[in-house]
Protein backbone atom coordinates (compact mmCIF):
# COMPACT_ATOMS: atom_id res chain seq x y z
CA GLY A 1 145.35 101.36 107.93
CA SER A 2 144.49 98.00 109.39
CA ASN A 3 145.53 99.10 112.87
CA GLY A 4 142.09 99.98 114.18
CA ALA A 5 141.06 103.14 115.93
CA GLN A 6 141.66 101.62 119.34
CA GLY A 7 144.42 103.02 121.40
CA ARG A 8 144.09 106.54 119.97
CA GLY A 9 144.18 107.61 123.61
CA ASN A 10 147.80 106.48 123.69
CA LYS A 11 148.83 109.98 122.65
CA ARG A 12 149.84 112.07 125.65
CA ASN A 13 148.46 115.64 125.22
CA GLY A 14 148.75 115.19 121.45
CA ASN A 15 152.45 114.46 121.69
CA GLU A 16 154.55 111.33 121.92
CA PHE A 17 153.41 107.77 122.57
CA ASP A 18 152.91 106.96 126.27
CA THR A 19 155.53 104.38 127.20
CA GLY A 20 153.43 103.10 130.11
CA ASP A 21 156.41 102.93 132.41
CA GLY A 22 154.42 102.05 135.49
CA GLN A 23 154.49 99.07 137.82
CA ASP A 24 153.83 95.72 136.19
CA GLY A 25 151.76 94.36 139.04
CA ASN A 26 151.91 90.72 140.04
CA LYS A 27 153.66 88.84 137.26
CA ARG A 28 153.32 85.14 136.92
CA GLN A 29 156.26 82.82 136.46
CA LYS A 30 157.99 83.12 133.07
CA SER A 31 159.75 80.33 131.30
CA SER A 32 162.88 80.94 129.23
CA SER A 33 160.99 79.78 126.16
CA SER A 34 158.54 82.16 124.51
CA SER A 35 156.13 79.29 123.82
CA ASN A 36 155.49 78.88 127.56
CA MET A 37 155.46 82.59 128.40
CA GLN A 38 152.52 83.86 130.42
CA TYR A 39 151.36 87.46 130.50
CA THR A 40 149.57 89.55 133.08
CA ASP A 41 146.59 91.69 132.15
CA GLN A 42 148.74 94.81 132.35
CA GLN A 43 151.33 93.33 129.99
CA LEU A 44 148.61 92.40 127.49
CA GLN A 45 147.19 95.93 127.72
CA GLN A 46 150.62 97.43 127.00
CA ILE A 47 151.04 95.09 124.03
CA ALA A 48 147.60 96.14 122.67
CA ASN A 49 148.40 99.83 123.14
CA LEU A 50 151.68 99.49 121.23
CA ALA A 51 150.05 97.45 118.45
CA HIS A 52 147.52 100.26 117.85
CA ALA A 53 150.00 103.13 117.91
CA ASP A 54 149.11 105.25 114.91
CA HIS A 55 150.16 108.91 115.05
CA ARG A 56 148.76 111.48 112.65
CA MET A 57 150.59 114.47 114.04
CA TYR A 58 150.62 118.04 112.70
CA SER A 59 147.58 117.21 110.52
CA MET A 60 149.78 115.21 108.18
CA PRO A 61 147.87 112.87 105.83
CA THR A 62 150.40 110.06 106.25
CA ARG A 63 150.94 107.60 109.05
CA MET A 64 154.18 108.69 110.66
CA ALA A 65 154.80 106.21 113.47
CA PHE A 66 154.09 102.53 113.17
CA PRO A 67 154.64 100.16 116.11
CA PHE A 68 157.62 98.97 114.06
CA ASP A 69 159.18 102.44 114.18
CA LEU A 70 158.71 102.63 117.96
CA LEU A 71 160.44 99.26 118.37
CA VAL A 72 163.38 100.47 116.26
CA ARG A 73 163.52 103.67 118.33
CA SER A 74 163.69 101.64 121.55
CA LEU A 75 166.41 99.19 120.48
CA CYS A 76 169.79 100.33 121.81
CA PRO A 77 168.85 104.05 122.07
CA ASN A 78 172.40 104.93 123.13
CA ILE A 79 173.64 104.25 119.58
CA ILE A 80 172.80 107.29 117.46
CA GLY A 81 171.96 106.66 113.81
CA ASN A 82 172.24 103.29 112.03
CA ASP A 83 168.42 103.17 111.99
CA LEU A 84 168.22 100.76 109.05
CA VAL A 85 170.60 98.35 110.81
CA LYS A 86 168.39 98.44 113.91
CA ALA A 87 165.35 97.85 111.70
CA GLY A 88 167.04 94.75 110.28
CA ILE A 89 167.77 93.47 113.80
CA ILE A 90 164.11 93.93 114.83
CA LEU A 91 162.97 91.96 111.76
CA CYS A 92 165.42 89.15 112.58
CA LEU A 93 164.13 89.04 116.18
CA LEU A 94 160.52 88.74 114.98
CA GLY A 95 161.15 86.13 112.26
CA GLY A 96 158.83 85.04 109.47
CA THR A 97 155.82 82.75 109.45
CA PRO A 98 156.86 79.09 109.80
CA PRO A 99 155.33 76.89 107.08
CA GLU A 100 152.50 74.61 108.10
CA VAL A 101 153.69 71.07 107.44
CA SER A 102 152.66 67.67 108.68
CA GLY A 103 153.59 64.06 108.25
CA ILE A 104 157.00 63.07 106.94
CA GLU A 105 158.04 66.68 106.21
CA ALA A 106 157.53 67.68 109.82
CA ARG A 107 159.50 64.70 111.10
CA SER A 108 162.39 65.10 108.66
CA GLY A 109 162.67 68.87 108.87
CA MET A 110 162.28 69.34 105.10
CA THR A 111 160.84 72.84 105.31
CA ILE A 112 161.88 76.30 104.12
CA ARG A 113 163.34 78.22 107.03
CA SER A 114 161.39 81.11 108.49
CA ASN A 115 164.27 82.74 110.38
CA SER A 116 166.33 85.53 108.85
CA HIS A 117 170.09 85.97 109.28
CA MET A 118 171.97 89.26 109.29
CA LEU A 119 175.63 90.27 109.06
CA ILE A 120 177.02 93.63 110.21
CA VAL A 121 180.48 94.48 108.86
CA GLY A 122 182.13 97.66 110.01
CA ASP A 123 185.09 99.62 111.22
CA PRO A 124 186.00 99.48 114.92
CA GLY A 125 184.02 101.76 117.20
CA MET A 126 180.76 101.76 115.19
CA GLY A 127 178.67 100.14 117.95
CA LYS A 128 178.28 96.67 116.41
CA SER A 129 178.76 94.80 119.69
CA GLN A 130 176.41 97.19 121.52
CA MET A 131 173.63 96.47 119.04
CA LEU A 132 174.22 92.73 119.35
CA LEU A 133 174.07 92.94 123.14
CA ALA A 134 170.83 94.93 122.88
CA ALA A 135 169.34 92.25 120.62
CA ASN A 136 170.48 89.60 123.10
CA GLN A 137 168.70 91.38 125.96
CA VAL A 138 165.46 92.03 124.07
CA ALA A 139 165.03 88.51 122.65
CA SER A 140 163.04 86.15 124.86
CA ARG A 141 165.47 83.32 124.11
CA SER A 142 168.98 84.13 122.98
CA VAL A 143 172.62 83.06 123.21
CA TYR A 144 175.54 85.48 122.88
CA VAL A 145 178.80 84.01 121.56
CA GLY A 146 182.21 85.58 120.96
CA GLY A 147 183.81 84.26 117.80
CA ASN A 148 187.37 84.46 119.14
CA THR A 149 186.56 81.94 121.90
CA ALA A 150 184.04 79.74 120.04
CA SER A 151 184.81 76.41 118.43
CA SER A 152 182.85 74.25 116.03
CA ARG A 153 181.80 71.90 118.83
CA GLY A 154 180.83 74.79 121.06
CA LEU A 155 178.54 76.12 118.32
CA THR A 156 176.94 72.80 117.32
CA VAL A 157 177.10 69.67 119.52
CA SER A 158 179.80 67.69 121.29
CA LEU A 159 180.01 64.17 122.69
CA THR A 160 180.79 63.46 126.33
CA LYS A 161 181.38 60.19 128.12
CA GLU A 162 178.94 59.41 130.89
CA PRO A 163 180.00 57.65 134.10
CA GLY A 164 178.36 54.39 132.97
CA GLY A 165 180.38 54.34 129.76
CA ASP A 166 177.58 55.62 127.55
CA MET A 167 178.05 58.57 125.23
CA GLY A 168 176.09 61.76 125.88
CA ILE A 169 175.37 64.75 123.65
CA GLU A 170 176.13 68.26 124.88
CA ALA A 171 174.18 70.98 123.04
CA GLY A 172 176.09 73.95 121.66
CA ALA A 173 175.09 77.58 121.21
CA LEU A 174 173.05 77.10 118.03
CA VAL A 175 171.03 74.25 119.55
CA LEU A 176 170.47 76.14 122.82
CA ALA A 177 169.16 79.10 120.78
CA ASP A 178 166.44 76.97 119.16
CA ARG A 179 163.33 79.12 118.49
CA GLY A 180 165.36 82.17 119.43
CA VAL A 181 168.36 84.23 118.37
CA CYS A 182 172.10 83.49 118.35
CA CYS A 183 174.23 86.66 118.48
CA LEU A 184 177.68 85.91 117.09
CA ASP A 185 180.24 88.64 117.66
CA GLU A 186 183.75 88.84 116.15
CA LEU A 187 182.90 86.40 113.37
CA ASP A 188 186.11 87.29 111.54
CA LYS A 189 188.22 86.04 114.49
CA MET A 190 186.75 82.55 114.19
CA PRO A 191 188.94 80.08 112.24
CA LYS A 192 187.51 78.96 108.91
CA THR A 193 187.35 75.34 110.05
CA HIS A 194 185.03 76.38 112.87
CA GLN A 195 182.90 78.59 110.62
CA ASP A 196 181.87 75.50 108.67
CA GLY A 197 179.77 74.40 111.63
CA LEU A 198 177.37 77.27 110.85
CA LEU A 199 176.51 76.13 107.31
CA GLU A 200 173.99 73.38 108.06
CA ALA A 201 172.45 75.16 111.05
CA MET A 202 171.81 78.39 109.13
CA GLU A 203 170.09 76.90 106.08
CA GLN A 204 168.67 73.51 107.14
CA GLN A 205 167.94 74.76 110.69
CA GLN A 206 169.34 71.60 112.26
CA VAL A 207 172.65 70.20 113.48
CA SER A 208 173.62 66.64 112.56
CA ILE A 209 176.24 64.52 114.29
CA ALA A 210 177.71 61.12 113.44
CA LYS A 211 180.48 60.20 115.88
CA ALA A 212 181.36 57.24 118.06
CA GLY A 213 178.24 55.32 117.12
CA VAL A 214 175.95 58.26 117.79
CA VAL A 215 173.91 59.44 114.80
CA ALA A 216 171.46 62.22 115.57
CA SER A 217 169.99 65.49 114.30
CA LEU A 218 169.13 68.28 116.70
CA PRO A 219 166.93 71.28 115.82
CA SER A 220 168.53 74.73 115.69
CA ARG A 221 165.70 76.94 114.39
CA CYS A 222 167.34 80.21 115.29
CA SER A 223 168.20 83.52 113.67
CA VAL A 224 171.92 84.34 113.48
CA ILE A 225 172.91 87.99 113.91
CA ALA A 226 176.67 88.27 113.35
CA ALA A 227 179.16 91.12 113.52
CA ALA A 228 182.63 91.17 111.97
CA ASN A 229 185.56 93.53 111.48
CA PRO A 230 187.44 93.72 108.16
CA LYS A 231 190.74 91.87 108.22
CA SER A 232 192.76 95.03 107.47
CA GLY A 233 191.20 96.98 110.35
CA HIS A 234 189.24 99.34 108.08
CA TYR A 235 186.82 98.41 105.31
CA ASN A 236 188.55 98.58 101.93
CA MET A 237 186.07 99.83 99.34
CA SER A 238 188.21 98.53 96.48
CA LYS A 239 187.48 94.96 97.60
CA SER A 240 184.24 93.01 97.85
CA VAL A 241 182.73 91.88 101.14
CA ALA A 242 184.09 88.35 100.71
CA GLU A 243 187.59 89.73 100.07
CA ASN A 244 187.41 92.08 103.07
CA LEU A 245 186.41 89.30 105.47
CA SER A 246 188.20 86.29 103.94
CA MET A 247 184.94 84.44 104.51
CA ASN A 248 183.75 81.38 102.63
CA GLY A 249 181.23 82.12 99.89
CA PRO A 250 178.60 79.57 100.99
CA LEU A 251 178.52 81.07 104.49
CA LEU A 252 178.26 84.64 103.23
CA SER A 253 175.38 83.77 100.90
CA ARG A 254 173.28 82.52 103.82
CA PHE A 255 172.90 86.00 105.30
CA ASP A 256 169.69 87.68 104.17
CA LEU A 257 170.88 91.20 105.04
CA VAL A 258 174.45 92.52 104.97
CA PHE A 259 175.17 96.03 106.26
CA ILE A 260 178.50 97.84 106.06
CA LEU A 261 179.23 100.53 108.65
CA ARG A 262 182.05 102.88 107.68
CA ASP A 263 183.57 105.49 109.97
CA GLU A 264 183.40 108.55 107.75
CA ALA A 265 183.73 112.19 108.74
CA ASP A 266 180.24 113.75 108.71
CA SER A 267 179.87 117.02 110.62
CA ASP A 268 176.12 116.70 111.30
CA ARG A 269 176.34 113.09 112.42
CA ASP A 270 179.47 113.70 114.52
CA ARG A 271 177.85 116.70 116.22
CA MET A 272 174.76 114.63 117.04
CA ILE A 273 176.84 111.75 118.45
CA SER A 274 179.05 114.03 120.55
CA GLY A 275 175.98 115.85 121.88
CA SER A 276 174.41 112.54 122.88
CA ILE A 277 177.55 111.32 124.65
CA MET A 278 178.05 114.61 126.50
CA GLY A 279 174.37 114.66 127.42
CA ARG A 280 174.70 111.23 129.07
CA VAL A 281 177.79 112.38 130.96
CA ARG A 282 176.02 115.47 132.29
CA LYS A 283 173.28 113.93 134.39
CA GLY A 284 170.98 116.94 134.24
CA GLU A 285 170.86 117.14 130.46
CA SER A 286 170.04 114.76 127.69
CA GLN A 287 170.52 114.65 123.98
CA ARG A 288 166.77 114.69 123.46
CA ASP A 289 166.53 118.13 125.07
CA ASN A 290 168.57 119.63 122.23
CA HIS A 291 166.61 118.14 119.33
CA GLN A 292 163.01 118.92 118.56
CA ALA A 293 160.75 116.99 116.28
CA LYS A 294 160.98 118.68 112.91
CA PRO A 295 157.91 118.54 110.69
CA LEU A 296 158.68 116.86 107.40
CA ASP A 297 158.52 118.87 104.22
CA GLY A 298 155.55 118.72 101.88
CA ARG A 299 157.26 116.36 99.45
CA MET A 300 157.61 113.65 102.09
CA ALA A 301 154.23 114.30 103.74
CA SER A 302 152.31 114.10 100.47
CA ALA A 303 153.37 110.53 99.78
CA ASN A 304 151.22 107.65 100.96
CA LEU A 305 154.17 106.06 102.75
CA VAL A 306 157.22 107.96 103.93
CA PRO A 307 160.51 106.06 103.30
CA MET A 308 162.16 104.60 106.36
CA GLN A 309 165.35 106.62 105.94
CA HIS A 310 163.26 109.80 106.52
CA ARG A 311 160.64 108.32 108.84
CA LEU A 312 162.90 106.68 111.44
CA PRO A 313 165.00 109.82 112.24
CA TRP A 314 161.74 111.76 112.57
CA VAL A 315 160.40 109.20 115.07
CA ASN A 316 163.70 109.34 117.00
CA ASN A 317 163.27 113.09 117.45
CA PHE A 318 159.53 112.99 118.08
CA GLN A 319 159.50 110.06 120.53
CA LYS A 320 161.62 111.55 123.30
CA GLN A 321 161.47 108.56 125.61
CA PRO A 322 162.19 105.03 124.28
CA LEU A 323 159.89 102.22 125.33
CA PRO A 324 160.93 100.23 128.42
CA GLN A 325 163.09 97.26 127.53
CA GLN A 326 160.76 94.79 129.26
CA GLN A 327 157.79 96.05 127.22
CA VAL A 328 159.73 95.61 123.96
CA LYS A 329 160.76 92.11 125.06
CA ASP A 330 157.16 91.12 125.88
CA TYR A 331 155.86 92.55 122.60
CA ILE A 332 158.43 90.72 120.44
CA ALA A 333 157.83 87.44 122.29
CA TYR A 334 154.06 87.77 121.87
CA ALA A 335 154.30 88.63 118.18
CA ARG A 336 156.75 85.81 117.49
CA GLU A 337 154.53 83.25 119.16
CA TYR A 338 150.97 84.21 118.25
CA CYS A 339 151.16 86.21 115.01
CA ARG A 340 151.18 84.28 111.70
CA PRO A 341 150.88 86.81 108.86
CA LYS A 342 149.92 85.61 105.38
CA MET A 343 150.98 87.19 102.11
CA THR A 344 148.57 89.35 100.10
CA ASP A 345 148.57 89.84 96.34
CA ALA A 346 149.60 93.51 96.57
CA ALA A 347 152.62 92.73 98.75
CA ALA A 348 153.62 89.75 96.61
CA GLU A 349 153.54 91.94 93.51
CA VAL A 350 155.93 94.48 95.09
CA LEU A 351 158.40 91.76 96.07
CA SER A 352 158.17 90.01 92.71
CA ASP A 353 158.73 93.23 90.76
CA TYR A 354 161.85 94.08 92.77
CA PHE A 355 163.23 90.55 92.34
CA MET A 356 162.69 90.67 88.58
CA THR A 357 164.38 94.08 88.26
CA LEU A 358 167.47 92.66 89.95
CA ARG A 359 167.51 89.48 87.89
CA HIS A 360 166.68 91.17 84.59
CA PRO A 361 167.91 94.76 84.37
CA GLY A 362 166.40 97.26 81.96
CA SER A 363 167.19 97.54 78.30
CA ASN A 364 169.87 100.17 78.94
CA GLU A 365 171.97 97.71 80.91
CA SER A 366 173.76 94.59 79.80
CA LYS A 367 172.62 91.26 81.17
CA LYS A 368 176.15 90.73 82.42
CA ASP A 369 175.68 93.73 84.72
CA ASN A 370 172.78 92.29 86.69
CA VAL A 371 173.14 91.67 90.41
CA PRO A 372 174.01 88.03 91.17
CA ILE A 373 170.84 87.27 93.12
CA THR A 374 169.16 83.89 93.55
CA THR A 375 165.80 82.60 94.75
CA ARG A 376 167.34 82.51 98.22
CA GLN A 377 167.07 86.32 98.25
CA LEU A 378 163.42 86.14 97.16
CA GLU A 379 162.69 83.84 100.10
CA ALA A 380 164.51 86.35 102.31
CA LEU A 381 162.23 89.14 101.07
CA ILE A 382 159.17 87.05 101.95
CA ARG A 383 160.49 86.27 105.45
CA LEU A 384 161.34 89.90 106.17
CA SER A 385 157.92 91.09 104.93
CA GLN A 386 156.19 88.65 107.26
CA ALA A 387 158.33 89.91 110.14
CA ARG A 388 157.42 93.51 109.24
CA ALA A 389 153.72 92.60 109.47
CA LYS A 390 154.36 90.83 112.78
CA ALA A 391 155.70 94.08 114.21
CA CYS A 392 152.17 95.51 113.87
CA LEU A 393 150.44 92.24 114.93
CA ARG A 394 148.68 92.07 111.58
CA PRO A 395 147.27 88.83 110.14
CA TYR A 396 148.21 89.84 106.58
CA VAL A 397 151.29 91.30 104.89
CA LEU A 398 150.30 94.63 103.36
CA LYS A 399 151.88 96.60 100.54
CA GLU A 400 153.49 99.02 103.00
CA ASP A 401 155.29 96.11 104.68
CA ALA A 402 156.73 94.95 101.37
CA GLU A 403 157.79 98.50 100.44
CA ASP A 404 159.68 98.94 103.72
CA VAL A 405 161.46 95.61 103.23
CA VAL A 406 162.37 96.44 99.62
CA GLU A 407 163.84 99.74 100.81
CA LEU A 408 165.90 97.85 103.40
CA MET A 409 167.12 95.35 100.79
CA ILE A 410 167.96 98.12 98.30
CA GLU A 411 170.19 99.78 100.91
CA SER A 412 171.87 96.45 101.74
CA VAL A 413 172.51 95.64 98.06
CA LYS A 414 173.79 99.16 97.46
CA GLN A 415 176.28 98.97 100.33
CA VAL A 416 177.56 95.55 99.25
CA HIS A 417 178.07 96.61 95.61
CA MET A 418 179.46 100.12 96.12
CA ASP A 419 183.07 100.59 95.01
CA GLU A 420 185.61 103.19 96.17
CA SER A 421 184.47 105.78 93.62
CA GLY A 422 180.84 105.64 94.78
CA ARG A 423 179.60 103.72 91.72
CA VAL A 424 177.58 100.52 91.99
CA ASP A 425 179.77 97.65 90.75
CA LYS A 426 177.32 94.79 90.27
CA ALA A 427 180.07 92.22 89.81
CA ARG A 428 181.07 92.45 93.48
CA GLY A 429 178.05 90.75 95.03
CA GLY A 430 176.99 87.17 95.45
CA ALA A 431 178.62 84.49 97.50
CA GLY A 432 182.19 84.99 96.38
CA GLY A 433 181.96 88.21 94.44
CA LYS A 434 185.09 89.55 92.78
CA SER A 435 185.73 93.19 92.10
CA LYS A 436 185.52 94.35 88.50
CA GLN A 437 189.16 95.47 88.66
CA ARG A 438 190.28 91.96 89.50
CA LYS A 439 188.34 90.42 86.62
CA ALA A 440 189.74 92.99 84.16
CA PHE A 441 193.29 92.41 85.41
CA LEU A 442 193.09 88.63 84.95
CA GLN A 443 191.53 89.03 81.49
CA ALA A 444 194.36 91.37 80.46
CA MET A 445 196.91 88.77 81.59
CA ARG A 446 195.21 86.12 79.43
CA ASP A 447 194.95 88.43 76.42
CA SER A 448 198.67 89.27 76.52
CA GLY A 449 199.59 85.80 75.27
CA GLN A 450 202.43 85.44 77.79
CA HIS A 451 202.86 82.38 79.95
CA GLU A 452 205.19 83.90 82.53
CA PHE A 453 205.05 87.38 84.02
CA LEU A 454 207.59 89.36 86.01
CA TYR A 455 206.38 91.79 88.66
CA SER A 456 207.21 94.65 86.32
CA ASP A 457 204.98 93.08 83.65
CA LEU A 458 202.09 93.03 86.13
CA GLN A 459 202.71 96.70 86.94
CA ARG A 460 202.58 97.61 83.23
CA ILE A 461 199.23 95.81 82.90
CA ALA A 462 197.94 97.72 85.94
CA ASP A 463 199.09 101.03 84.43
CA ARG A 464 197.34 100.22 81.16
CA LEU A 465 194.10 99.50 83.02
CA SER A 466 194.54 102.62 85.23
CA LEU A 467 194.35 100.55 88.41
CA PRO A 468 195.21 102.41 91.66
CA VAL A 469 198.93 102.15 92.42
CA GLY A 470 198.49 102.10 96.20
CA GLY A 471 198.33 98.58 97.63
CA PHE A 472 199.16 96.90 94.32
CA LYS A 473 201.38 94.34 96.03
CA ASP A 474 198.49 93.30 98.31
CA PHE A 475 196.25 93.21 95.23
CA VAL A 476 198.57 90.68 93.54
CA GLU A 477 198.85 88.63 96.73
CA ASP A 478 195.07 88.44 97.09
CA ILE A 479 194.78 87.11 93.54
CA ARG A 480 197.49 84.55 94.26
CA GLU A 481 195.81 83.42 97.50
CA ALA A 482 192.52 83.03 95.63
CA GLY A 483 194.19 80.48 93.33
CA GLU A 484 194.01 82.57 90.15
CA ILE A 485 197.80 82.85 89.63
CA GLN A 486 200.82 81.02 91.03
CA ARG A 487 204.20 82.34 92.07
CA THR A 488 207.41 80.46 91.25
CA TYR A 489 211.09 81.29 91.48
CA ASN A 490 213.49 81.08 88.52
CA GLY A 491 216.79 81.40 90.33
CA SER A 492 216.55 84.71 92.16
CA THR A 493 213.75 86.02 89.92
CA THR A 494 210.09 85.89 90.98
CA VAL A 495 207.83 84.70 88.18
CA TYR A 496 204.00 84.68 88.11
CA LYS A 497 201.97 82.26 86.00
CA LEU A 498 198.29 81.86 85.26
CA TYR A 499 196.65 78.62 86.37
């Protein structure tokens, strides 16, 4: 690979990567901004050692531990599993390569954003807030906000009156997180009127204000990592993401990665989690004592690049001790500031092929069944690939970076489009995706030729389409709230009409 042969002495007796958990020596003053951060010689040596981590253990022909994998291993190690979600968080912390602009474009802010946004949706108790807090601690510049206590002015900017009678501008969370990360927890608890303050900041990377004679635009070049709970308490697989969260379509489409965490009964995963928790309670033992690094089978080892879903659990078992949090923080700040990876032809071809397969499915599929994906997702793939190269401090984006990012995006698209029966329903995605059941139900109402429907008529249509009986009343109410049908009263009878 392009990570040179330096640092091969980082292996301790042929085993795991040495975390270098010694004293840091005399550190110089650090600013809160990564652009003014200064590093000691020991910090720079630790960064170089991590950048050249390249394990070829058990005589395997493949590279089994990138610096990227070690960073994922060290982010919130108390949360077992969810490795792909942690990988997405690391990529958002690193960010892409900002475009080089000058002149009027630089002054007006007319550039394509280089920061990625990520949304984690999941059942209660899945560790979403813990991962957000870990991202907040690792980022060199970050702001943590709770959605239930945040307002639109608190997120963007507000006006205050100065003692002399002049108006002053108070920066909100998104402006304070400029060139950093804004962790937004409990996004579903935030009123929709306050969510609108995120729209401009997430795409245009600036916040504009025009109040009381003050007209200004403030930069907010930050990555937004948000977490939300479904409105019904548990994620309903029969509904799309937009229907589960009651979130505006334009806001949902601005997130590059969307992950759905469901609390399902899995004996192996539950045993691993309970062993980890009990190991932390018993001071003398640890979860890592009970799990040994298992060599991968020949099928995985023979490939040139092992998929992340197999590679990351292997690294978790092999690397017993996570890297110190301060070392991870220094490494991410250094990579974000000084690394500017450029795209190569091989990586661009991987990204372009994946984008075209989503936009234009194969001959065995109908064009109506393609995933509703736009060029915004292609830009997201480019940003994430640049961040993946930054994790290894490489000047160029290689094919392996693009393949890892495509695997991450495939998993995200799969989770968003999966229905309750485990099939991929491609009509559920996009900004305001509707489930296929809902579209079929409305089409059946139009085809019936009736203008007014009783509730019993709607039930007959549902029976004919073999829709699930459970929660049918909520299903009808969701359609009515979405503005597809209206409910009127004819005396004491409830009547439904199509708009």
